[in-house]
Amino acid sequence: MKIVSLKDLPETTTSHNATGKKRVMIGKDQINFLLQFAQVAFKPGEVASEHTHNDMYEVFLVESGSGIIRINDKKYPLEKGTCVTVEPGELHEVTNTGAEDLVLTYFEIDDKAGNG
């Protein structure tokens, strides 16, 4: 068993935005196929630059704030309660377009999980 509280976890930066702050609740190698379970906050105007992952799924849940996620050059709105799954190989970028922090809870799953 493992119990953590966001308030007790250290902040680190995301690999796609040096100013976005995240807290990792479950890290790589703690659960089979789960690469990371974390929460990240982007200040107004911040962008997690365009990138792709060929070996994993990324699932985002918007906790608060608003923004846009661009997937393969198509824009989708992000608002509280929105859940987005980005599949392996999809080019994506997250932008905070709102006046408050965009807070996303997300997890990453190794693509090999479904290939048994």
Protein backbone atom coordinates (compact mmCIF):
# COMPACT_ATOMS: atom_id res chain seq x y z
CA MET A 1 0.00 0.00 0.00
CA LYS A 2 1.08 3.56 -0.68
CA ILE A 3 -0.70 6.73 0.39
CA VAL A 4 0.49 10.19 -0.68
CA SER A 5 -0.85 13.71 -0.43
CA LEU A 6 -0.21 16.32 -3.11
CA LYS A 7 0.66 18.86 -0.42
CA ASP A 8 3.53 16.65 0.78
CA LEU A 9 5.11 16.01 -2.62
CA PRO A 10 7.94 18.09 -4.06
CA GLU A 11 7.32 20.18 -7.17
CA THR A 12 9.32 19.40 -10.29
CA THR A 13 9.11 20.77 -13.82
CA THR A 14 7.62 19.03 -16.82
CA SER A 15 9.86 17.92 -19.66
CA HIS A 16 7.86 19.99 -22.18
CA ASN A 17 7.67 23.25 -20.21
CA ALA A 18 10.36 24.35 -17.78
CA THR A 19 7.95 26.53 -15.81
CA GLY A 20 4.99 24.11 -15.53
CA LYS A 21 5.03 22.61 -12.04
CA LYS A 22 4.06 18.99 -11.40
CA ARG A 23 3.84 16.63 -8.44
CA VAL A 24 4.30 12.93 -9.19
CA MET A 25 2.02 10.71 -7.11
CA ILE A 26 3.12 7.42 -8.70
CA GLY A 27 6.36 7.18 -10.65
CA LYS A 28 7.80 4.85 -13.23
CA ASP A 29 8.37 1.24 -12.17
CA GLN A 30 5.96 1.41 -9.21
CA ILE A 31 3.01 -0.21 -11.07
CA ASN A 32 3.34 -2.37 -14.18
CA PHE A 33 2.77 -0.37 -17.38
CA LEU A 34 1.99 2.87 -15.49
CA LEU A 35 4.76 5.31 -16.32
CA GLN A 36 3.53 8.23 -14.23
CA PHE A 37 0.51 9.57 -12.34
CA ALA A 38 0.89 13.27 -11.62
CA GLN A 39 -0.69 16.68 -11.39
CA VAL A 40 0.63 19.71 -13.25
CA ALA A 41 -0.26 23.42 -13.10
CA PHE A 42 0.33 25.85 -15.96
CA LYS A 43 0.17 29.60 -15.34
CA PRO A 44 -1.96 31.74 -17.70
CA GLY A 45 -0.35 31.84 -21.14
CA GLU A 46 2.00 28.90 -20.52
CA VAL A 47 2.41 26.22 -23.16
CA ALA A 48 3.58 22.61 -22.97
CA SER A 49 5.20 22.65 -26.38
CA GLU A 50 4.22 20.39 -29.25
CA HIS A 51 5.53 16.85 -28.86
CA THR A 52 4.68 13.20 -29.34
CA HIS A 53 5.19 9.94 -27.50
CA ASN A 54 5.48 6.87 -29.70
CA ASP A 55 5.47 4.41 -26.82
CA MET A 56 2.71 5.56 -24.46
CA TYR A 57 -0.81 6.86 -23.93
CA GLU A 58 -1.33 10.07 -21.97
CA VAL A 59 -4.66 10.73 -20.22
CA PHE A 60 -5.47 14.21 -18.90
CA LEU A 61 -8.28 15.26 -16.54
CA VAL A 62 -8.86 19.00 -16.18
CA GLU A 63 -9.20 19.82 -12.47
CA SER A 64 -9.51 23.60 -12.87
CA GLY A 65 -8.83 26.44 -15.29
CA SER A 66 -9.24 26.43 -19.03
CA GLY A 67 -7.15 26.00 -22.11
CA ILE A 68 -6.72 24.26 -25.41
CA ILE A 69 -5.12 20.98 -26.35
CA ARG A 70 -4.03 20.71 -29.95
CA ILE A 71 -3.84 17.12 -31.23
CA ASN A 72 -2.58 16.53 -34.77
CA ASP A 73 -3.26 20.20 -35.63
CA LYS A 74 -6.87 20.17 -34.39
CA LYS A 75 -7.77 22.25 -31.32
CA TYR A 76 -10.00 20.99 -28.50
CA PRO A 77 -11.20 23.05 -25.51
CA LEU A 78 -10.08 22.15 -22.00
CA GLU A 79 -12.39 22.98 -19.10
CA LYS A 80 -13.02 21.51 -15.67
CA GLY A 81 -14.13 17.88 -15.97
CA THR A 82 -12.80 17.32 -19.49
CA CYS A 83 -10.87 14.07 -19.95
CA VAL A 84 -8.61 13.66 -22.99
CA THR A 85 -6.72 10.54 -24.08
CA VAL A 86 -3.73 11.14 -26.35
CA GLU A 87 -2.74 7.98 -28.19
CA PRO A 88 0.82 6.93 -29.10
CA GLY A 89 2.17 8.92 -32.01
CA GLU A 90 -0.33 11.79 -31.76
CA LEU A 91 1.33 15.21 -31.89
CA HIS A 92 -0.03 17.32 -29.02
CA GLU A 93 0.40 20.65 -27.26
CA VAL A 94 -1.35 22.12 -24.20
CA THR A 95 -1.94 25.87 -23.76
CA ASN A 96 -3.45 27.69 -20.80
CA THR A 97 -5.76 30.26 -22.41
CA GLY A 98 -7.51 31.26 -19.18
CA ALA A 99 -6.94 33.81 -16.43
CA GLU A 100 -6.13 31.24 -13.72
CA ASP A 101 -3.86 28.20 -13.45
CA LEU A 102 -4.76 25.27 -15.69
CA VAL A 103 -4.50 22.23 -13.42
CA LEU A 104 -4.33 18.79 -15.02
CA THR A 105 -4.18 15.43 -13.31
CA TYR A 106 -2.72 12.92 -15.74
CA PHE A 107 -1.29 9.48 -16.17
CA GLU A 108 0.93 7.82 -18.74
CA ILE A 109 0.56 4.18 -19.73
CA ASP A 110 3.17 2.15 -21.60
CA ASP A 111 1.83 1.17 -25.02
CA LYS A 112 3.01 -2.42 -24.43
CA ALA A 113 0.33 -2.80 -21.74
CA GLY A 114 -2.31 -3.66 -24.33
CA ASN A 115 -0.06 -5.91 -26.40
CA GLY A 116 0.24 -8.60 -23.72
